[in-house]
Structure formats: structure tokens, C-alpha cells
Amino acid sequence: MKNLLKKGMAFLALAALVALVPAVKLMADDEKAAMPAPKMPAEFDKLKSLVGTWKGTAMKNGKSMDVKNSFQLTSGGSAIIEKVGEGADNEMISVYCAENGKVTMTHYCSVGNHPKMTLKKSSDKEMDFEMKGTDGISSAKDMHMHGMDITWKDPDHITESWYLYSDGKKQGSCPFELTRVKE
């Protein structure tokens, strides 16, 4: 009898749980519907045009190497994740978002820091990001990516030029010539 009672209670608990699933789904759907889409700067919409996979070459230590970058829209359309050198041992991540109405980018670098850059200049064909201060690095003398420019040749061809600083001075740039992978 005791065993039968336990089985009956377990069945009732399972039935109650199953009955709650549609209610929880309705609440989640209502919450999604109630959340307005975030207002983003026009420059962010330009960055969204990069979503997808890109392949090309980058110059490293004077040598050309094959690279793959990808851009993914995330967080309800309020952020873009770029994988720089996707799949490589030194793969890096850059996250683009808006803060106080301006597009920012935090670059999670393979040297172990994460410099934060702000959109400095923008036109139809180019966006220039640059660091202000030392947000994401220990000191201005640390080796870090200090800036990055994206130049659109056309919708399927871009150049990303990354600017390396060390000891507070520009040490050089690393251009990535990228072509969109048609999927």
C-alpha cells in the first residue's frame, strides 16, 4: 500500500509539472514580446552587415597567413561577436556593442589583455576604432592592440587593420584582407 501511495504521488507530481510547461512557455513568450528591441546607433547597423564568415590573409611578422574571421549577432541584437583568426591557436574575440549611444569594441587579445576601443570616425566605407586611456590593460606601456580600422571595398570585401602598441608607441599594423564566404 505504501509503495502504491508513493507511485501515485510521483505520478501526480509529474502530471503537475507537465501541466506547468505550457504556462511557463506562455510567460516566456509574453516576456519576449514585452521587451522592446534596443535602440542602436546607425554605425552598429553597418557592423551588422558583416555577420557571417570571412576568409582571407593577414600579415604576421612579414609573412602572409590564411585566416578565418566570423561575425555573429547576439544578445537580442545588441552585440556582435567577432572571432578573429577563428580556429587558430591564438584565436581572439572582439565584442561590439553600444554604450551611451556610441559603438564600442572590446578586444580579448591572445596576449592576455582586453583593450576597449571606441568608434572614433565613421563613413560609408570606413570605421576607425581607437583606445582612450588604459581600459582593459595594466598600463599604456603594455603591448596591446590600440586601434582597428575596417574598410569596406564592397559588401563582400573588407580590410581590417589592427594597430599594435608597445612602450606607449605604435609598433606597426596587421592588415587582414577578407572576403565573405558565400553560404
Protein backbone atom coordinates (compact mmCIF):
# COMPACT_ATOMS: atom_id res chain seq x y z
CA MET A 1 0.00 0.00 0.00
CA LYS A 2 2.81 2.38 0.93
CA ASN A 3 4.55 1.68 -2.38
CA LEU A 4 1.34 2.32 -4.30
CA LEU A 5 0.92 5.63 -2.48
CA LYS A 6 4.48 6.68 -3.42
CA LYS A 7 3.87 5.81 -7.06
CA GLY A 8 0.60 7.76 -7.02
CA MET A 9 2.32 10.83 -5.52
CA ALA A 10 5.12 10.61 -8.07
CA PHE A 11 2.55 10.40 -10.89
CA LEU A 12 0.69 13.45 -9.54
CA ALA A 13 3.94 15.44 -9.23
CA LEU A 14 4.90 14.54 -12.82
CA ALA A 15 1.42 15.43 -14.09
CA ALA A 16 1.57 18.81 -12.30
CA LEU A 17 4.99 19.51 -13.83
CA VAL A 18 3.81 18.63 -17.33
CA ALA A 19 0.77 20.87 -16.84
CA LEU A 20 3.03 23.80 -15.93
CA VAL A 21 5.19 23.64 -19.09
CA PRO A 22 2.67 25.45 -21.34
CA ALA A 23 2.18 28.16 -18.70
CA VAL A 24 5.94 28.75 -18.38
CA LYS A 25 6.25 28.91 -22.19
CA LEU A 26 3.43 31.47 -22.37
CA MET A 27 5.15 33.61 -19.74
CA ALA A 28 8.46 33.44 -21.66
CA ASP A 29 6.71 34.37 -24.93
CA ASP A 30 4.96 37.30 -23.20
CA GLU A 31 8.29 38.47 -21.77
CA LYS A 32 9.91 38.39 -25.23
CA ALA A 33 7.01 40.32 -26.71
CA ALA A 34 7.21 42.92 -23.92
CA MET A 35 10.95 43.55 -24.37
CA PRO A 36 11.49 46.31 -26.90
CA ALA A 37 14.34 45.99 -29.38
CA PRO A 38 17.32 48.01 -28.20
CA LYS A 39 17.92 51.33 -29.97
CA MET A 40 21.30 51.11 -31.61
CA PRO A 41 23.44 53.73 -33.37
CA ALA A 42 23.39 53.71 -37.20
CA GLU A 43 27.05 52.63 -37.21
CA PHE A 44 26.07 49.45 -35.36
CA ASP A 45 23.68 48.62 -38.21
CA LYS A 46 26.63 48.98 -40.61
CA LEU A 47 28.58 46.47 -38.50
CA LYS A 48 25.63 44.05 -38.64
CA SER A 49 26.22 43.85 -42.40
CA LEU A 50 29.38 41.87 -41.54
CA VAL A 51 27.51 38.97 -39.91
CA GLY A 52 28.76 35.74 -41.45
CA THR A 53 32.07 34.04 -42.19
CA TRP A 54 35.05 35.72 -43.86
CA LYS A 55 38.30 34.22 -45.17
CA GLY A 56 41.47 35.82 -46.39
CA THR A 57 45.04 36.63 -45.41
CA ALA A 58 46.80 38.53 -42.66
CA MET A 59 50.37 39.69 -42.39
CA LYS A 60 52.22 38.43 -39.32
CA ASN A 61 55.96 39.01 -38.85
CA GLY A 62 56.26 39.91 -42.53
CA LYS A 63 54.61 36.68 -43.69
CA SER A 64 51.17 36.18 -45.20
CA MET A 65 48.97 33.62 -43.46
CA ASP A 66 45.47 32.31 -44.17
CA VAL A 67 42.82 33.50 -41.72
CA LYS A 68 39.14 33.00 -41.00
CA ASN A 69 37.05 35.57 -39.13
CA SER A 70 33.38 35.36 -38.28
CA PHE A 71 30.80 37.83 -37.04
CA GLN A 72 27.71 36.75 -35.06
CA LEU A 73 24.82 38.88 -33.85
CA THR A 74 23.88 38.04 -30.25
CA SER A 75 22.18 39.33 -27.08
CA GLY A 76 18.88 40.20 -28.71
CA GLY A 77 20.62 42.17 -31.46
CA SER A 78 22.57 44.38 -29.06
CA ALA A 79 26.06 42.88 -29.54
CA ILE A 80 28.24 41.40 -32.26
CA ILE A 81 30.92 38.82 -31.52
CA GLU A 82 33.83 38.67 -33.94
CA LYS A 83 36.13 35.67 -33.84
CA VAL A 84 39.49 36.85 -35.14
CA GLY A 85 41.61 34.03 -36.56
CA GLU A 86 38.85 31.54 -35.84
CA GLY A 87 40.17 28.05 -35.13
CA ALA A 88 43.81 29.18 -34.78
CA ASP A 89 45.86 28.61 -31.61
CA ASN A 90 45.77 32.35 -30.98
CA GLU A 91 42.07 32.88 -31.82
CA MET A 92 40.80 36.14 -30.35
CA ILE A 93 37.36 37.60 -29.69
CA SER A 94 36.13 41.16 -30.22
CA VAL A 95 32.73 42.24 -28.91
CA TYR A 96 30.98 45.25 -30.45
CA CYS A 97 28.12 46.96 -28.64
CA ALA A 98 26.75 50.44 -27.89
CA GLU A 99 27.41 52.44 -24.75
CA ASN A 100 25.86 55.84 -24.22
CA GLY A 101 24.89 55.98 -27.90
CA LYS A 102 28.42 55.21 -29.19
CA VAL A 103 29.72 51.97 -30.70
CA THR A 104 32.46 50.37 -28.62
CA MET A 105 34.60 47.28 -29.10
CA THR A 106 36.43 45.22 -26.50
CA HIS A 107 39.18 43.07 -27.99
CA TYR A 108 40.03 39.93 -25.97
CA CYS A 109 43.61 39.50 -27.17
CA SER A 110 45.85 36.45 -27.25
CA VAL A 111 48.48 38.43 -25.29
CA GLY A 112 46.11 38.27 -22.30
CA ASN A 113 44.60 41.74 -22.13
CA HIS A 114 41.31 43.22 -23.34
CA PRO A 115 41.68 46.79 -24.63
CA LYS A 116 38.44 48.70 -25.03
CA MET A 117 38.10 50.90 -28.09
CA THR A 118 35.52 53.47 -29.12
CA LEU A 119 34.40 54.35 -32.63
CA LYS A 120 36.41 57.46 -33.43
CA LYS A 121 35.40 58.07 -37.03
CA SER A 122 32.86 56.58 -39.42
CA SER A 123 31.87 56.97 -43.06
CA ASP A 124 30.09 54.83 -45.65
CA LYS A 125 33.32 52.97 -46.41
CA GLU A 126 35.27 53.04 -43.14
CA MET A 127 35.08 52.75 -39.36
CA ASP A 128 38.02 53.65 -37.13
CA PHE A 129 38.20 52.38 -33.54
CA GLU A 130 40.74 53.71 -31.05
CA MET A 131 41.60 53.20 -27.41
CA LYS A 132 41.25 56.02 -24.92
CA GLY A 133 43.13 55.67 -21.67
CA THR A 134 44.09 52.23 -20.39
CA ASP A 135 40.73 50.48 -20.03
CA GLY A 136 41.48 46.73 -20.30
CA ILE A 137 45.30 46.95 -19.98
CA SER A 138 47.59 47.45 -16.98
CA SER A 139 49.49 50.40 -18.40
CA ALA A 140 49.90 52.32 -21.67
CA LYS A 141 53.35 50.70 -21.98
CA ASP A 142 51.85 47.19 -22.17
CA MET A 143 51.80 45.52 -25.57
CA HIS A 144 48.23 45.82 -26.83
CA MET A 145 46.03 46.45 -29.83
CA HIS A 146 45.38 50.18 -29.64
CA GLY A 147 43.19 50.65 -32.69
CA MET A 148 41.48 48.95 -35.59
CA ASP A 149 40.08 50.25 -38.86
CA ILE A 150 37.54 48.44 -41.05
CA THR A 151 37.44 49.49 -44.70
CA TRP A 152 34.66 48.25 -46.99
CA LYS A 153 35.81 47.73 -50.58
CA ASP A 154 32.32 46.41 -51.37
CA PRO A 155 29.75 44.36 -49.39
CA ASP A 156 31.83 41.17 -49.77
CA HIS A 157 35.40 42.51 -49.34
CA ILE A 158 36.85 44.30 -46.32
CA THR A 159 40.20 45.15 -44.79
CA GLU A 160 40.71 45.16 -41.05
CA SER A 161 43.89 46.96 -39.99
CA TRP A 162 44.91 46.31 -36.39
CA TYR A 163 47.42 48.69 -34.72
CA LEU A 164 49.85 47.26 -32.16
CA TYR A 165 51.30 49.47 -29.43
CA SER A 166 54.13 48.72 -27.00
CA ASP A 167 56.02 51.04 -24.66
CA GLY A 168 53.35 53.65 -25.41
CA LYS A 169 54.22 53.81 -29.12
CA LYS A 170 52.80 52.39 -32.32
CA GLN A 171 54.85 49.36 -33.34
CA GLY A 172 53.10 48.50 -36.59
CA SER A 173 49.89 47.27 -38.11
CA CYS A 174 48.48 43.91 -39.06
CA PRO A 175 46.13 44.10 -42.07
CA PHE A 176 43.56 41.38 -42.69
CA GLU A 177 42.27 41.20 -46.29
CA LEU A 178 38.91 39.39 -46.02
CA THR A 179 36.30 38.06 -48.46
CA ARG A 180 32.82 36.98 -47.39
CA VAL A 181 32.21 33.23 -47.62
CA LYS A 182 29.00 32.65 -49.59
CA GLU A 183 26.84 30.19 -47.69
